[in-house]
Amino acid sequence: MSGDSDQADKPVLQARLNGGTLRAKWPGKRWHGRYADIYEVCDAAHADGLASFVIDYVDKED
């Protein structure tokens, strides 16, 4: 698991499935949006200035 150490300092983008859309948050943002897919979430984070991040994506909660 040598890849874990390079992710330790990256900000976390959190995304949760909310019905048929995704809501997301990342540093400096609250939960927001109704994104169609994870790619749209990532594009929005990049547009907001977040160049690199780790994705915490939950599509089903137990």
N, C-alpha and C. Protein backbone atom coordinates (compact mmCIF):
# COMPACT_ATOMS: atom_id res chain seq x y z
N MET A 1 0.81 -1.19 0.00
CA MET A 1 0.00 0.00 0.00
C MET A 1 0.85 1.25 0.00
N SER A 2 1.86 1.28 -0.82
CA SER A 2 2.74 2.42 -0.87
C SER A 2 2.05 3.65 -1.43
N GLY A 3 0.96 3.49 -2.17
CA GLY A 3 0.24 4.60 -2.74
C GLY A 3 -0.51 5.43 -1.71
N ASP A 4 -0.76 4.89 -0.51
CA ASP A 4 -1.50 5.61 0.50
C ASP A 4 -0.76 6.84 1.01
N SER A 5 0.56 6.77 1.13
CA SER A 5 1.30 7.87 1.72
C SER A 5 1.25 9.13 0.86
N ASP A 6 1.17 9.02 -0.45
CA ASP A 6 1.11 10.21 -1.29
C ASP A 6 -0.27 10.85 -1.26
N GLN A 7 -1.26 10.17 -0.73
CA GLN A 7 -2.61 10.72 -0.62
C GLN A 7 -2.88 11.36 0.74
N ALA A 8 -2.00 11.13 1.68
CA ALA A 8 -2.23 11.58 3.05
C ALA A 8 -2.37 13.09 3.17
N ASP A 9 -1.67 13.85 2.37
CA ASP A 9 -1.70 15.31 2.49
C ASP A 9 -2.68 15.98 1.53
N LYS A 10 -3.38 15.20 0.72
CA LYS A 10 -4.31 15.78 -0.24
C LYS A 10 -5.66 16.08 0.41
N PRO A 11 -6.33 17.13 -0.04
CA PRO A 11 -7.67 17.42 0.46
C PRO A 11 -8.64 16.33 0.03
N VAL A 12 -9.74 16.21 0.77
CA VAL A 12 -10.73 15.17 0.50
C VAL A 12 -11.97 15.80 -0.13
N LEU A 13 -12.38 15.27 -1.27
CA LEU A 13 -13.64 15.61 -1.91
C LEU A 13 -14.62 14.52 -1.51
N GLN A 14 -15.70 14.91 -0.85
CA GLN A 14 -16.70 13.94 -0.42
C GLN A 14 -17.93 14.04 -1.32
N ALA A 15 -18.42 12.91 -1.78
CA ALA A 15 -19.60 12.87 -2.64
C ALA A 15 -20.54 11.79 -2.14
N ARG A 16 -21.83 12.09 -2.13
CA ARG A 16 -22.84 11.16 -1.66
C ARG A 16 -23.98 11.10 -2.66
N LEU A 17 -24.44 9.91 -2.94
CA LEU A 17 -25.59 9.73 -3.82
C LEU A 17 -26.84 10.18 -3.08
N ASN A 18 -27.63 11.02 -3.72
CA ASN A 18 -28.85 11.55 -3.11
C ASN A 18 -29.97 11.36 -4.13
N GLY A 19 -30.59 10.19 -4.09
CA GLY A 19 -31.57 9.86 -5.12
C GLY A 19 -30.84 9.57 -6.42
N GLY A 20 -31.13 10.34 -7.45
CA GLY A 20 -30.47 10.13 -8.74
C GLY A 20 -29.34 11.09 -9.02
N THR A 21 -29.00 11.94 -8.03
CA THR A 21 -27.93 12.91 -8.23
C THR A 21 -26.91 12.81 -7.10
N LEU A 22 -25.80 13.50 -7.27
CA LEU A 22 -24.75 13.53 -6.25
C LEU A 22 -24.71 14.90 -5.59
N ARG A 23 -24.49 14.89 -4.29
CA ARG A 23 -24.16 16.11 -3.55
C ARG A 23 -22.71 15.97 -3.15
N ALA A 24 -22.02 17.09 -3.02
CA ALA A 24 -20.59 17.01 -2.75
C ALA A 24 -20.14 18.16 -1.86
N LYS A 25 -18.99 17.96 -1.23
CA LYS A 25 -18.31 19.04 -0.51
C LYS A 25 -16.82 18.79 -0.59
N TRP A 26 -16.08 19.88 -0.49
CA TRP A 26 -14.63 19.83 -0.45
C TRP A 26 -14.17 21.02 0.37
N PRO A 27 -12.89 21.10 0.72
CA PRO A 27 -12.42 22.20 1.56
C PRO A 27 -12.88 23.56 1.03
N GLY A 28 -13.52 24.32 1.88
CA GLY A 28 -14.02 25.63 1.51
C GLY A 28 -15.46 25.63 1.01
N LYS A 29 -16.05 24.46 0.86
CA LYS A 29 -17.44 24.34 0.38
C LYS A 29 -18.26 23.52 1.37
N ARG A 30 -19.53 23.88 1.49
CA ARG A 30 -20.47 23.06 2.24
C ARG A 30 -21.07 22.04 1.29
N TRP A 31 -21.88 21.13 1.81
CA TRP A 31 -22.60 20.20 0.94
C TRP A 31 -23.43 21.01 -0.04
N HIS A 32 -23.33 20.70 -1.30
CA HIS A 32 -24.03 21.46 -2.32
C HIS A 32 -24.16 20.64 -3.60
N GLY A 33 -24.94 21.13 -4.52
CA GLY A 33 -25.00 20.62 -5.88
C GLY A 33 -25.92 19.44 -6.09
N ARG A 34 -26.29 19.29 -7.30
CA ARG A 34 -27.04 18.14 -7.79
C ARG A 34 -26.34 17.70 -9.05
N TYR A 35 -25.22 17.05 -8.87
CA TYR A 35 -24.37 16.64 -9.99
C TYR A 35 -24.87 15.34 -10.59
N ALA A 36 -24.70 15.20 -11.89
CA ALA A 36 -25.16 14.02 -12.62
C ALA A 36 -24.27 12.81 -12.34
N ASP A 37 -22.97 13.03 -12.17
CA ASP A 37 -22.04 11.92 -11.94
C ASP A 37 -20.76 12.44 -11.27
N ILE A 38 -19.88 11.52 -10.91
CA ILE A 38 -18.66 11.88 -10.19
C ILE A 38 -17.74 12.74 -11.05
N TYR A 39 -17.80 12.57 -12.36
CA TYR A 39 -16.97 13.38 -13.26
C TYR A 39 -17.38 14.85 -13.19
N GLU A 40 -18.67 15.10 -13.11
CA GLU A 40 -19.16 16.47 -12.99
C GLU A 40 -18.74 17.08 -11.66
N VAL A 41 -18.75 16.28 -10.60
CA VAL A 41 -18.29 16.74 -9.29
C VAL A 41 -16.81 17.14 -9.37
N CYS A 42 -16.00 16.28 -9.96
CA CYS A 42 -14.57 16.56 -10.08
C CYS A 42 -14.32 17.81 -10.91
N ASP A 43 -15.05 17.97 -12.01
CA ASP A 43 -14.91 19.16 -12.84
C ASP A 43 -15.23 20.42 -12.04
N ALA A 44 -16.28 20.37 -11.22
CA ALA A 44 -16.64 21.52 -10.39
C ALA A 44 -15.56 21.83 -9.36
N ALA A 45 -14.98 20.80 -8.76
CA ALA A 45 -13.91 21.00 -7.78
C ALA A 45 -12.68 21.61 -8.47
N HIS A 46 -12.34 21.12 -9.64
CA HIS A 46 -11.21 21.68 -10.39
C HIS A 46 -11.49 23.14 -10.74
N ALA A 47 -12.70 23.44 -11.19
CA ALA A 47 -13.06 24.82 -11.54
C ALA A 47 -13.00 25.74 -10.32
N ASP A 48 -13.18 25.17 -9.13
CA ASP A 48 -13.13 25.93 -7.88
C ASP A 48 -11.69 26.08 -7.37
N GLY A 49 -10.72 25.53 -8.11
CA GLY A 49 -9.32 25.71 -7.76
C GLY A 49 -8.67 24.53 -7.06
N LEU A 50 -9.38 23.45 -6.86
CA LEU A 50 -8.82 22.26 -6.21
C LEU A 50 -8.13 21.42 -7.29
N ALA A 51 -6.82 21.45 -7.32
CA ALA A 51 -6.07 20.79 -8.40
C ALA A 51 -5.98 19.28 -8.20
N SER A 52 -5.81 18.86 -6.96
CA SER A 52 -5.60 17.44 -6.68
C SER A 52 -6.32 17.10 -5.38
N PHE A 53 -6.95 15.92 -5.34
CA PHE A 53 -7.71 15.55 -4.16
C PHE A 53 -7.94 14.05 -4.12
N VAL A 54 -8.35 13.57 -2.96
CA VAL A 54 -8.75 12.18 -2.77
C VAL A 54 -10.27 12.17 -2.75
N ILE A 55 -10.87 11.20 -3.44
CA ILE A 55 -12.33 11.13 -3.52
C ILE A 55 -12.87 10.13 -2.49
N ASP A 56 -13.80 10.60 -1.67
CA ASP A 56 -14.55 9.75 -0.74
C ASP A 56 -15.97 9.72 -1.28
N TYR A 57 -16.30 8.66 -1.99
CA TYR A 57 -17.56 8.57 -2.73
C TYR A 57 -18.41 7.44 -2.17
N VAL A 58 -19.58 7.77 -1.64
CA VAL A 58 -20.49 6.78 -1.10
C VAL A 58 -21.72 6.71 -2.00
N ASP A 59 -21.95 5.55 -2.57
CA ASP A 59 -23.11 5.42 -3.45
C ASP A 59 -24.24 4.65 -2.77
N LYS A 60 -23.95 4.02 -1.63
CA LYS A 60 -24.98 3.30 -0.89
C LYS A 60 -24.56 3.22 0.57
N GLU A 61 -25.43 3.68 1.45
CA GLU A 61 -25.13 3.60 2.88
C GLU A 61 -25.91 2.47 3.50
N ASP A 62 -25.26 1.74 4.38
CA ASP A 62 -25.90 0.61 5.06
C ASP A 62 -26.69 1.06 6.25
